[in-house]
Protein backbone atom coordinates (compact mmCIF):
# COMPACT_ATOMS: atom_id res chain seq x y z
CA MET A 1 7.83 3.49 -4.00
CA PHE A 2 10.83 2.55 -6.63
CA LEU A 3 12.62 0.55 -4.69
CA LEU A 4 12.39 -2.81 -5.99
CA HIS A 5 13.80 -5.30 -3.20
CA GLN A 6 17.07 -5.97 -4.59
CA SER A 7 18.36 -8.53 -1.67
CA PHE A 8 15.53 -8.36 0.35
CA VAL A 9 12.47 -11.01 -0.55
CA TRP A 10 10.05 -10.21 2.42
CA HIS A 11 8.29 -7.48 3.79
CA SER A 12 7.38 -4.50 1.94
CA ILE A 13 8.17 -1.59 3.25
CA TYR A 14 9.19 -3.18 6.64
CA THR A 15 12.23 -4.47 5.72
CA CYS A 16 13.33 -1.62 3.02
CA ILE A 17 13.23 0.34 6.22
CA SER A 18 14.77 -1.76 9.16
CA THR A 19 17.72 -1.93 6.53
CA ILE A 20 18.47 1.25 7.76
CA VAL A 21 17.10 3.44 10.64
CA PRO A 22 16.80 2.91 14.48
CA ILE A 23 14.53 -0.22 15.76
CA TYR A 24 12.45 2.80 17.42
CA PHE A 25 12.12 4.68 13.65
CA GLN A 26 11.89 1.01 11.75
CA LEU A 27 8.54 0.28 14.07
CA LEU A 28 7.20 4.33 13.99
CA PHE A 29 7.63 4.20 9.67
CA SER A 30 6.62 0.54 8.88
CA LEU A 31 2.98 1.12 11.08
CA PRO A 32 1.08 2.20 8.20
CA ALA A 33 2.56 -0.63 6.30
CA PRO A 34 -0.42 -3.14 8.26
CA LEU A 35 -2.51 -0.43 8.18
CA LYS A 36 -3.01 -0.18 4.93
CA TYR A 37 -3.73 -2.96 4.22
CA SER A 38 -6.16 -3.89 7.06
CA TYR A 39 -7.88 -0.55 5.75
CA VAL A 40 -8.08 -1.88 2.14
CA TYR A 41 -9.62 -5.00 4.02
CA GLN A 42 -12.22 -3.10 5.44
CA ILE A 43 -12.88 -0.70 2.98
CA GLN A 44 -13.93 -3.18 0.48
CA GLN A 45 -15.83 -5.51 2.86
CA ARG A 46 -18.13 -2.67 3.49
CA SER A 47 -18.12 -1.65 -0.18
CA TRP A 48 -18.96 -4.83 -1.39
CA GLY A 49 -21.90 -4.99 1.49
CA ASP A 50 -23.22 -1.85 0.01
CA LYS A 51 -22.86 -3.57 -3.69
CA VAL A 52 -24.78 -6.30 -3.09
CA VAL A 53 -28.00 -4.47 -1.50
CA GLU A 54 -27.60 -2.50 -4.44
CA TRP A 55 -28.00 -5.15 -6.71
CA LEU A 56 -30.34 -6.90 -5.01
CA THR A 57 -32.98 -4.00 -5.04
CA VAL A 58 -31.93 -2.28 -8.18
CA GLU A 59 -31.20 -5.37 -11.10
CA LEU A 60 -32.90 -7.78 -9.31
CA HIS A 61 -36.21 -6.10 -7.67
CA ALA A 62 -35.84 -7.38 -4.57
CA ASP A 63 -38.30 -6.19 -1.70
CA LYS A 64 -36.24 -2.77 0.01
CA GLU A 65 -38.29 -3.49 2.83
CA TRP A 66 -36.48 -6.51 3.62
CA VAL A 67 -33.05 -6.08 2.11
CA TYR A 68 -32.76 -2.75 4.56
CA ALA A 69 -33.86 -4.79 7.03
CA TYR A 70 -31.56 -7.75 7.30
CA LEU A 71 -28.77 -6.34 5.00
CA GLN A 72 -28.47 -3.00 6.43
CA PRO A 73 -29.60 -2.58 9.41
CA GLY A 74 -28.54 1.03 10.15
CA TYR A 75 -26.64 2.31 13.27
CA GLY A 76 -22.98 1.12 10.49
CA ILE A 77 -23.78 -1.98 10.96
CA ASN A 78 -22.80 -4.41 7.46
CA PRO A 79 -23.60 -7.48 7.79
CA MET A 80 -22.72 -8.77 4.28
CA ALA A 81 -19.40 -7.08 5.35
CA PHE A 82 -18.99 -9.76 8.02
CA LEU A 83 -20.19 -12.16 6.04
CA VAL A 84 -17.63 -11.69 3.16
CA SER A 85 -14.76 -11.21 6.10
CA CYS A 86 -15.78 -14.74 7.84
CA SER A 87 -15.40 -16.41 4.30
CA THR A 88 -12.09 -15.16 3.84
CA THR A 89 -10.79 -15.49 7.16
CA LEU A 90 -11.29 -19.17 6.92
CA LEU A 91 -10.00 -19.61 3.20
CA LEU A 92 -6.93 -17.91 4.03
CA LEU A 93 -6.44 -20.71 7.20
CA GLY A 94 -6.87 -22.75 4.61
CA GLY A 95 -3.25 -21.81 3.71
CA VAL A 96 -1.70 -20.20 0.58
CA LYS A 97 -1.81 -22.52 -1.90
CA GLU A 98 -5.54 -23.06 -1.78
CA SER A 99 -5.75 -19.65 -0.99
CA LYS A 100 -3.67 -18.56 -4.49
CA MET A 101 -5.45 -21.09 -6.97
CA ILE A 102 -8.81 -19.11 -6.14
CA THR A 103 -7.15 -16.00 -6.32
CA ASP A 104 -5.49 -16.34 -9.94
CA ILE A 105 -8.99 -17.28 -11.26
CA PHE A 106 -11.33 -14.42 -9.75
CA THR A 107 -8.19 -12.18 -10.97
CA TRP A 108 -8.26 -13.07 -13.83
CA ILE A 109 -12.38 -12.45 -14.10
CA LYS A 110 -11.65 -9.24 -12.76
CA VAL A 111 -9.55 -8.12 -15.34
CA ALA A 112 -11.88 -9.40 -17.97
CA LEU A 113 -14.89 -7.47 -16.53
CA VAL A 114 -12.64 -4.19 -16.00
CA LEU A 115 -11.84 -4.67 -19.84
CA PHE A 116 -15.78 -4.99 -20.74
CA MET A 117 -16.58 -1.88 -18.93
CA ALA A 118 -13.97 0.03 -19.97
CA ILE A 119 -14.62 -0.88 -24.02
CA GLY A 120 -17.93 -0.58 -23.47
CA GLY A 121 -17.80 2.46 -22.01
CA LEU A 122 -15.42 4.29 -24.72
CA LEU A 123 -18.11 3.23 -27.07
CA LEU A 124 -21.34 4.75 -25.38
CA LEU A 125 -18.77 7.58 -24.96
CA ASP A 126 -20.52 11.18 -25.15
CA THR A 127 -17.83 13.50 -25.58
CA ASN A 128 -19.90 16.72 -23.90
CA ASN A 129 -19.67 14.73 -20.78
CA LEU A 130 -16.14 15.19 -20.82
CA GLN A 131 -16.57 19.07 -21.32
CA PRO A 132 -15.24 20.46 -19.02
CA PHE A 133 -12.26 18.14 -18.42
CA MET A 134 -11.16 19.69 -15.06
CA PRO A 135 -13.93 21.33 -13.75
CA PRO A 136 -13.47 24.18 -11.65
CA GLU A 137 -16.22 23.81 -9.11
CA LEU A 138 -14.20 20.17 -8.28
CA ASN A 139 -11.30 23.10 -7.99
CA GLY A 140 -9.62 21.78 -11.06
CA TRP A 141 -5.89 20.20 -11.32
CA ASN A 142 -5.88 20.95 -7.19
CA GLY A 143 -8.85 19.19 -7.29
CA ILE A 144 -7.10 16.01 -9.36
CA MET A 145 -4.38 15.86 -7.01
CA ARG A 146 -6.74 15.66 -4.20
CA GLY A 147 -8.44 12.82 -5.43
CA ALA A 148 -5.11 11.07 -6.12
CA THR A 149 -4.11 11.40 -3.07
CA THR A 150 -7.19 10.40 -1.62
CA SER A 151 -7.51 7.34 -3.73
CA PHE A 152 -4.09 6.77 -3.40
CA PHE A 153 -4.51 2.80 -1.32
CA GLY A 154 -5.66 1.73 -4.45
CA TYR A 155 -2.40 1.66 -7.11
CA LEU A 156 -0.96 -0.54 -3.73
CA GLY A 157 -0.69 -3.72 -5.32
CA TYR A 158 2.82 -3.76 -6.57
CA ASP A 159 3.71 -3.51 -2.86
CA GLY A 160 1.49 -6.44 -2.17
CA ILE A 161 3.93 -8.55 -4.47
CA CYS A 162 7.08 -7.24 -2.66
CA CYS A 163 4.85 -8.77 0.60
CA VAL A 164 4.88 -12.30 -0.87
CA ALA A 165 7.97 -12.37 -2.41
CA GLY A 166 9.49 -15.18 -0.21
CA GLU A 167 7.06 -17.49 -1.74
CA ALA A 168 8.08 -16.45 -5.42
CA ILE A 169 9.78 -18.40 -8.23
CA ASN A 170 13.30 -16.83 -8.60
CA PRO A 171 12.16 -13.38 -6.75
CA THR A 172 15.16 -11.80 -7.64
CA VAL A 173 14.42 -11.78 -11.10
CA ASN A 174 10.63 -12.25 -11.13
CA LEU A 175 9.78 -10.00 -8.40
CA PRO A 176 11.08 -6.50 -10.14
CA LYS A 177 9.38 -7.54 -13.47
CA ALA A 178 5.87 -8.56 -11.49
CA VAL A 179 6.30 -5.18 -9.78
CA MET A 180 6.41 -2.93 -12.88
CA TYR A 181 4.19 -5.10 -15.05
CA THR A 182 1.44 -4.54 -12.06
CA LEU A 183 1.94 -0.70 -11.95
CA ILE A 184 2.03 -0.03 -16.08
CA ILE A 185 -1.35 -2.61 -16.20
CA VAL A 186 -2.96 -1.24 -12.93
CA THR A 187 -2.32 2.85 -14.17
CA ALA A 188 -3.67 1.89 -17.92
CA LEU A 189 -7.08 -0.12 -16.10
CA TYR A 190 -7.82 2.89 -13.87
CA VAL A 191 -7.61 5.87 -16.63
CA VAL A 192 -8.93 4.19 -19.07
CA ALA A 193 -11.65 3.24 -17.05
CA ALA A 194 -12.20 6.08 -15.30
CA LEU A 195 -12.43 8.19 -19.18
CA ALA A 196 -15.09 5.35 -19.58
CA LEU A 197 -16.82 6.54 -17.39
CA THR A 198 -17.24 10.01 -17.31
CA GLY A 199 -18.04 9.81 -20.60
CA MET A 200 -20.78 7.70 -20.53
CA GLN A 201 -22.29 10.12 -17.60
CA ASN A 202 -21.81 13.16 -16.49
CA TYR A 203 -19.90 13.66 -13.51
CA THR A 204 -22.59 15.07 -11.18
CA GLU A 205 -24.69 12.06 -11.78
CA ILE A 206 -22.82 9.24 -11.12
CA SER A 207 -23.46 7.11 -8.61
CA VAL A 208 -21.07 6.19 -5.52
CA GLU A 209 -22.42 3.02 -4.83
CA SER A 210 -22.48 1.63 -8.56
CA GLY A 211 -20.82 3.90 -10.76
CA PHE A 212 -20.70 1.51 -14.10
CA PRO A 213 -24.05 -0.12 -13.92
CA GLU A 214 -26.19 3.14 -13.49
CA ALA A 215 -23.81 4.52 -16.40
CA PHE A 216 -24.74 1.81 -18.61
CA ALA A 217 -28.61 1.78 -17.32
CA SER A 218 -28.15 5.37 -18.28
CA ARG A 219 -27.51 4.59 -21.67
CA GLY A 220 -30.07 2.41 -21.78
CA VAL A 221 -28.00 -0.67 -22.16
CA MET A 222 -29.64 -2.83 -19.36
CA TRP A 223 -27.75 -5.87 -19.86
CA ALA A 224 -24.34 -4.57 -19.54
CA ALA A 225 -25.83 -2.60 -16.55
CA GLN A 226 -27.01 -6.31 -14.72
CA LEU A 227 -23.45 -7.59 -16.26
CA THR A 228 -21.55 -5.69 -14.36
CA ALA A 229 -23.37 -5.25 -11.34
CA ALA A 230 -23.53 -9.04 -10.96
CA GLY A 231 -19.50 -9.00 -11.87
CA GLU A 232 -18.49 -6.48 -9.12
CA VAL A 233 -20.46 -8.36 -6.14
CA ILE A 234 -18.52 -11.77 -8.01
CA THR A 235 -15.31 -9.94 -8.08
CA LEU A 236 -14.89 -7.78 -5.48
CA PRO A 237 -14.19 -9.69 -2.61
CA ILE A 238 -10.75 -11.05 -4.64
CA VAL A 239 -9.26 -7.50 -2.85
CA VAL A 240 -10.61 -8.64 0.51
CA LEU A 241 -8.61 -11.95 0.18
CA ILE A 242 -6.03 -10.49 -0.66
CA SER A 243 -5.40 -8.06 1.41
CA GLY A 244 -6.11 -10.57 4.32
CA VAL A 245 -2.81 -12.77 2.35
CA LEU A 246 -0.86 -9.65 2.70
CA GLN A 247 -1.55 -8.54 6.36
CA PRO A 248 -0.49 -11.42 8.28
CA ARG A 249 2.96 -11.51 6.57
CA LEU A 250 3.64 -7.64 7.37
CA GLN A 251 2.51 -8.97 11.42
CA TYR A 252 5.04 -11.67 10.88
CA ALA A 253 7.61 -9.17 10.12
CA LEU A 254 7.38 -7.02 12.82
CA ALA A 255 7.23 -9.99 15.16
CA ARG A 256 10.34 -11.70 13.97
CA ASP A 257 12.05 -8.42 15.19
CA GLY A 258 10.59 -8.87 18.20
CA LEU A 259 7.90 -5.86 17.64
CA LEU A 260 5.15 -7.69 17.90
CA PRO A 261 4.07 -10.50 20.54
CA HIS A 262 6.00 -13.57 18.95
CA MET A 263 2.50 -15.28 18.18
CA PHE A 264 2.28 -13.05 15.05
CA CYS A 265 5.25 -14.97 14.00
CA GLU A 266 4.37 -18.46 15.24
CA VAL A 267 4.28 -20.52 11.82
CA THR A 268 2.26 -24.47 11.25
CA PRO A 269 3.64 -27.42 9.97
CA ALA A 270 2.14 -27.05 6.64
CA GLY A 271 3.51 -23.46 6.50
CA ASN A 272 0.52 -21.18 7.50
CA LEU A 273 0.61 -17.87 10.28
CA ARG A 274 -2.49 -19.36 11.67
CA LYS A 275 -2.78 -17.52 15.01
CA GLY A 276 -2.02 -14.36 12.90
CA THR A 277 -4.28 -15.05 10.48
CA ILE A 278 -6.96 -15.90 13.13
CA VAL A 279 -5.88 -12.30 14.80
CA ALA A 280 -5.92 -10.36 12.21
CA GLY A 281 -9.26 -11.47 10.38
CA THR A 282 -11.10 -10.95 13.92
CA ILE A 283 -10.08 -7.59 14.24
CA MET A 284 -10.48 -6.70 10.97
CA THR A 285 -14.59 -8.13 10.61
CA PHE A 286 -15.37 -6.69 13.95
CA ILE A 287 -14.16 -3.26 12.73
CA ALA A 288 -15.56 -3.64 8.93
CA THR A 289 -19.02 -4.98 9.88
CA PHE A 290 -19.15 -2.10 12.58
CA VAL A 291 -16.87 1.12 12.09
CA PRO A 292 -17.82 3.61 8.90
CA PHE A 293 -14.48 5.02 7.00
CA GLU A 294 -15.49 8.46 6.44
CA TYR A 295 -12.52 9.84 7.90
CA LEU A 296 -9.65 7.21 7.16
CA ASP A 297 -8.94 7.44 3.48
CA ASP A 298 -7.00 11.11 4.02
CA PHE A 299 -5.50 9.19 7.16
CA VAL A 300 -4.59 5.84 5.80
CA SER A 301 -3.02 7.80 2.60
CA ALA A 302 -1.19 10.06 4.66
CA GLY A 303 0.99 7.09 6.86
CA ILE A 304 1.30 5.31 3.20
CA LEU A 305 2.95 7.97 1.47
CA VAL A 306 5.15 9.34 4.52
CA ALA A 307 6.52 5.70 4.59
CA PHE A 308 7.44 5.49 1.01
CA SER A 309 9.17 8.32 1.29
CA ILE A 310 11.22 7.36 4.01
CA THR A 311 11.75 4.05 1.79
CA ASN A 312 12.87 6.20 -1.14
CA SER A 313 15.44 7.60 1.63
CA SER A 314 16.67 3.97 2.64
CA LEU A 315 17.14 3.45 -1.05
CA VAL A 316 19.42 6.76 -1.84
CA ILE A 317 21.26 5.50 2.06
CA MET A 318 21.24 2.02 0.09
CA ARG A 319 22.96 2.66 -3.37
CA ARG A 320 25.05 6.24 -1.97
CA GLU A 321 27.48 6.46 0.92
CA SER A 322 28.72 9.76 3.28
CA PRO A 323 32.07 11.23 1.92
CA GLU A 324 34.74 9.87 3.81
CA ASN A 325 35.76 11.72 7.43
CA THR A 326 31.97 13.12 7.54
CA PRO A 327 29.49 10.55 8.80
CA PHE A 328 25.99 10.64 8.49
CA TYR A 329 26.33 13.49 6.01
CA LEU A 330 24.15 11.83 3.28
CA GLU A 331 21.87 10.74 5.81
CA LYS A 332 21.66 14.55 7.44
CA LEU A 333 21.25 16.05 3.67
CA LEU A 334 18.05 13.20 3.60
CA LEU A 335 16.66 14.70 6.57
CA LEU A 336 17.19 18.49 5.09
CA PHE A 337 15.60 17.16 1.75
CA ASN A 338 12.65 15.81 3.51
CA GLY A 339 11.79 18.93 5.50
CA LEU A 340 12.31 21.25 2.07
CA SER A 341 9.44 18.95 0.57
CA PHE A 342 7.31 19.21 3.05
CA LEU A 343 7.47 23.01 3.58
CA SER A 344 7.78 23.21 -0.24
CA ALA A 345 4.34 21.21 -0.61
CA VAL A 346 2.57 23.12 1.88
CA VAL A 347 3.43 26.80 1.12
CA SER A 348 2.37 25.93 -2.65
CA VAL A 349 -0.64 24.19 -1.60
CA HIS A 350 -2.01 26.55 1.26
CA GLY A 351 0.41 29.20 1.46
CA PRO A 352 -1.02 32.39 0.13
CA ARG A 353 -2.07 32.78 -3.49
CA ASN A 354 -0.33 36.56 -4.15
CA ILE A 355 2.87 37.36 -5.33
CA VAL A 356 5.00 36.64 -2.19
CA GLY A 357 2.81 33.20 -1.60
CA LYS A 358 4.52 32.34 -5.20
CA PHE A 359 8.08 33.77 -4.17
CA LEU A 360 7.86 31.46 -0.98
CA ALA A 361 7.08 28.21 -2.71
CA PHE A 362 9.69 29.62 -5.53
CA CYS A 363 12.30 29.57 -3.00
CA PHE A 364 11.77 26.14 -1.09
CA ILE A 365 11.45 24.25 -4.43
CA VAL A 366 14.69 25.77 -5.60
CA ALA A 367 16.29 25.01 -2.01
CA THR A 368 14.61 21.43 -2.32
CA ALA A 369 15.98 20.42 -5.58
CA ALA A 370 19.46 21.99 -4.73
CA VAL A 371 19.57 19.96 -1.76
CA GLY A 372 18.81 16.72 -4.50
CA PHE A 373 21.02 17.94 -6.98
CA TRP A 374 24.42 18.25 -4.08
CA ILE A 375 23.64 14.51 -2.86
CA SER A 376 23.97 13.42 -6.22
CA TRP A 377 27.31 15.59 -6.41
CA SER A 378 28.85 15.33 -3.38
CA CYS A 379 28.07 11.91 -1.89
CA PRO A 380 29.76 8.41 -4.01
CA SER A 381 27.92 5.65 -5.12
CA SER A 382 28.44 2.95 -3.06
CA ALA A 383 30.93 -0.05 -3.38
CA VAL A 384 28.08 -2.45 -3.00
CA PHE A 385 24.70 -2.71 -2.53
CA GLY A 386 23.97 -1.87 0.98
CA GLY A 387 27.25 0.15 1.41
CA LYS A 388 27.93 1.03 5.38
CA SER A 389 24.40 1.11 5.99
CA ILE A 390 23.67 -2.53 6.67
CA THR A 391 22.29 -2.59 10.23
CA MET A 392 20.99 -6.00 10.34
CA GLY A 393 22.46 -9.44 10.07
CA ASN A 394 19.66 -11.02 8.78
CA HIS A 395 20.31 -9.58 5.25
CA LYS A 396 22.60 -10.54 2.56
CA ARG A 397 24.64 -7.80 1.16
CA ASP A 398 25.38 -7.99 -2.71
CA ASN A 399 28.92 -8.82 -3.09
CA GLY A 400 29.00 -7.39 -6.86
CA ASN A 401 28.87 -11.21 -8.62
CA GLN A 402 24.93 -11.34 -8.78
CA GLN A 403 22.94 -9.61 -11.37
CA TYR A 404 19.70 -8.06 -9.76
CA PHE A 405 18.00 -5.02 -10.89
CA GLN A 406 18.59 -1.84 -9.91
CA THR A 407 16.74 1.34 -9.78
CA PRO A 408 18.69 4.40 -12.59
CA PHE A 409 19.06 7.58 -11.94
CA VAL A 410 19.36 7.11 -7.94
CA PRO A 411 19.48 9.40 -6.16
CA LEU A 412 17.21 11.84 -9.00
CA ILE A 413 14.39 9.44 -9.19
CA PRO A 414 14.02 8.59 -5.09
CA CYS A 415 13.86 12.11 -4.37
CA LEU A 416 11.74 12.95 -7.09
CA GLY A 417 9.19 10.16 -5.40
CA THR A 418 9.98 11.89 -2.35
CA PHE A 419 8.62 15.09 -3.33
CA ILE A 420 5.85 14.19 -5.04
CA ASN A 421 4.88 12.15 -2.20
CA TRP A 422 5.02 14.93 0.50
CA PHE A 423 3.19 17.03 -2.79
CA LEU A 424 0.00 14.53 -2.29
CA ILE A 425 -0.15 14.38 1.43
CA ALA A 426 -0.15 18.27 1.68
CA GLN A 427 -3.39 18.12 0.06
CA LEU A 428 -5.45 16.25 2.30
CA ASP A 429 -7.39 17.47 5.06
CA PHE A 430 -5.24 18.42 8.07
CA LEU A 431 -7.90 15.83 9.93
CA GLY A 432 -6.03 13.44 8.15
CA ILE A 433 -2.59 14.19 8.94
CA PHE A 434 -4.16 14.80 12.90
CA LEU A 435 -4.88 11.45 13.40
CA LEU A 436 -1.81 10.01 11.13
CA LEU A 437 0.14 11.96 14.09
CA CYS A 438 -2.20 10.46 16.82
CA TYR A 439 -1.29 7.08 15.14
CA PHE A 440 2.46 7.61 15.77
CA SER A 441 1.88 8.92 19.11
CA LEU A 442 0.25 5.54 19.94
CA ALA A 443 3.22 3.66 18.24
CA THR A 444 5.91 5.47 20.47
CA MET A 445 3.90 4.73 23.41
CA PHE A 446 3.78 0.96 22.54
CA TYR A 447 7.71 0.86 21.41
CA PHE A 448 8.46 1.92 24.62
CA HIS A 449 6.24 -0.02 26.79
CA TYR A 450 6.84 -3.19 24.78
CA GLY A 451 8.82 -2.85 21.73
CA ALA A 452 12.24 -1.47 23.30
CA LYS A 453 11.93 -4.54 26.21
CA ASN A 454 11.58 -7.13 23.79
CA SER A 455 13.33 -6.26 20.22
CA PHE A 456 15.85 -8.43 19.24
CA GLY A 457 18.42 -5.60 18.10
CA ASN A 458 17.82 -4.21 21.65
CA ASN A 459 18.37 -7.09 22.92
CA ILE A 460 21.46 -9.42 21.48
CA GLY A 461 21.81 -7.67 18.31
CA TRP A 462 21.37 -8.15 14.96
CA ASP A 463 24.82 -10.13 13.78
CA TYR A 464 22.99 -13.15 13.97
CA PRO A 465 23.68 -16.23 11.53
CA GLY A 466 21.22 -17.36 8.64
CA ASP A 467 18.43 -16.06 6.58
CA LEU A 468 14.87 -15.12 8.17
CA GLY A 469 13.15 -15.37 5.00
CA LEU A 470 13.58 -17.70 2.43
CA SER A 471 16.66 -17.84 0.14
CA GLU A 472 17.03 -15.64 -2.48
CA ASP A 473 18.48 -18.58 -4.54
CA ASN A 474 14.64 -20.15 -4.41
CA GLU A 475 14.26 -21.52 -8.01
CA GLU A 476 11.52 -24.70 -7.28
CA GLY A 477 9.25 -21.52 -5.16
CA ASN A 478 7.71 -22.29 -2.50
CA ASN A 479 3.71 -22.48 -1.62
CA HIS A 480 4.77 -21.92 2.24
CA ALA A 481 5.35 -18.83 4.94
CA PRO A 482 9.16 -18.05 5.99
CA SER A 483 11.07 -20.96 7.25
CA ALA A 484 11.95 -19.39 10.36
CA THR A 485 10.12 -19.63 13.43
CA CYS A 486 9.94 -17.53 16.68
CA ILE A 487 8.91 -18.22 20.34
CA GLU A 488 8.84 -16.22 22.57
CA ASN A 489 11.26 -13.63 21.06
CA LYS A 490 13.78 -16.54 20.87
CA TYR A 491 14.67 -17.47 17.40
CA THR A 492 15.46 -20.70 15.21
CA ILE A 493 17.23 -20.53 12.06
CA THR A 494 15.99 -23.57 10.09
């Protein structure tokens, strides 16, 4: 969550983790990364299909019998999700440059729409709708944390920026700024929009499919209801497009290292990941069209939070070192810290509410904090970024001569982020956590069946020349995919 890619300009969570952990754990902890974009891609497709039906029947007063017969035939089938998914995949096959232009246009339209809804909602705000501010029937503060965990994927735009950093102008300078600006803007828009919506209409009456249009209609502002309904239908596909851009790049990262078939990292002369886009688009189109998503939100959120916890730990290992003559001391402390964080969260959320449960939770939290401060005190700072931990030759060490953004207060901030991640995971239903464990089990089977045999590191090692991504000195920018191609797990550095 806090690692802002100091010397790594490609592939988000996977690159952070792959510099630190063994190849099996690279696959295991990185798999939620493609899963999250696949999930966002699919859920937004279905959401768009539902909004189209709502817009046609409520705002345009189309014949409901016809609309439901063709656009919501039942059995979990969503024809409109199929339409937007196919259109997005075809657009992505045209290349990043064309997709970027459309993305820029619709992003500005979407931001303007959100600002309109938020400002309009605040002007129509009724303070009576905000009482009580944390409804007890929704478990108060625990309900807020539960909702934050389930909707966590809504804040993943900043991680998406990291996925396309190799195509940015001067990414080592612009990437940290983009990540921080995105977090600030998205958080502000989310908070203001949520306040405006719940202020316009009582939370028990808010529509799941069409929140703002129904809220404006309930206050008698029909033109605003129609405008927001149309705007949601027009702009929501941009989220589908962005997720579709990112998914092939994550597949590329795994395939580049031999953990997925080589076709996922084949680059066309125009710089497109055509095969990866076709495969990802086909699979996600099928799932979005035919598979409902009642239980996947917890599953995906849990996976991403686990991956971010490992990313935070990776940052600590990159910036700190084990004491002399005590190998892997830092790694052991981080493993202990993650375990104590999880136990603290579980006992705090699911433990008994009596004095014994509170005492146990307090003891675990104190022990977790003590380990975090012990890491800060006992493990010295690395002389250079990465220290002794770099395991892959394709990632260049910082020689100390270049200026990068540095996360402040390491290891305290990454450890705090890790603790919060585990606390959010503890809010989830056990079904979501169980599905995540099943997913990791399937990943383990896939690794030993395919990844272990084809992994670049397991076969010829990581010490190869060159840089598989775009150069971090890319001042002019690039609208193409990576400069490295891989054919049948043999790598050509270009």
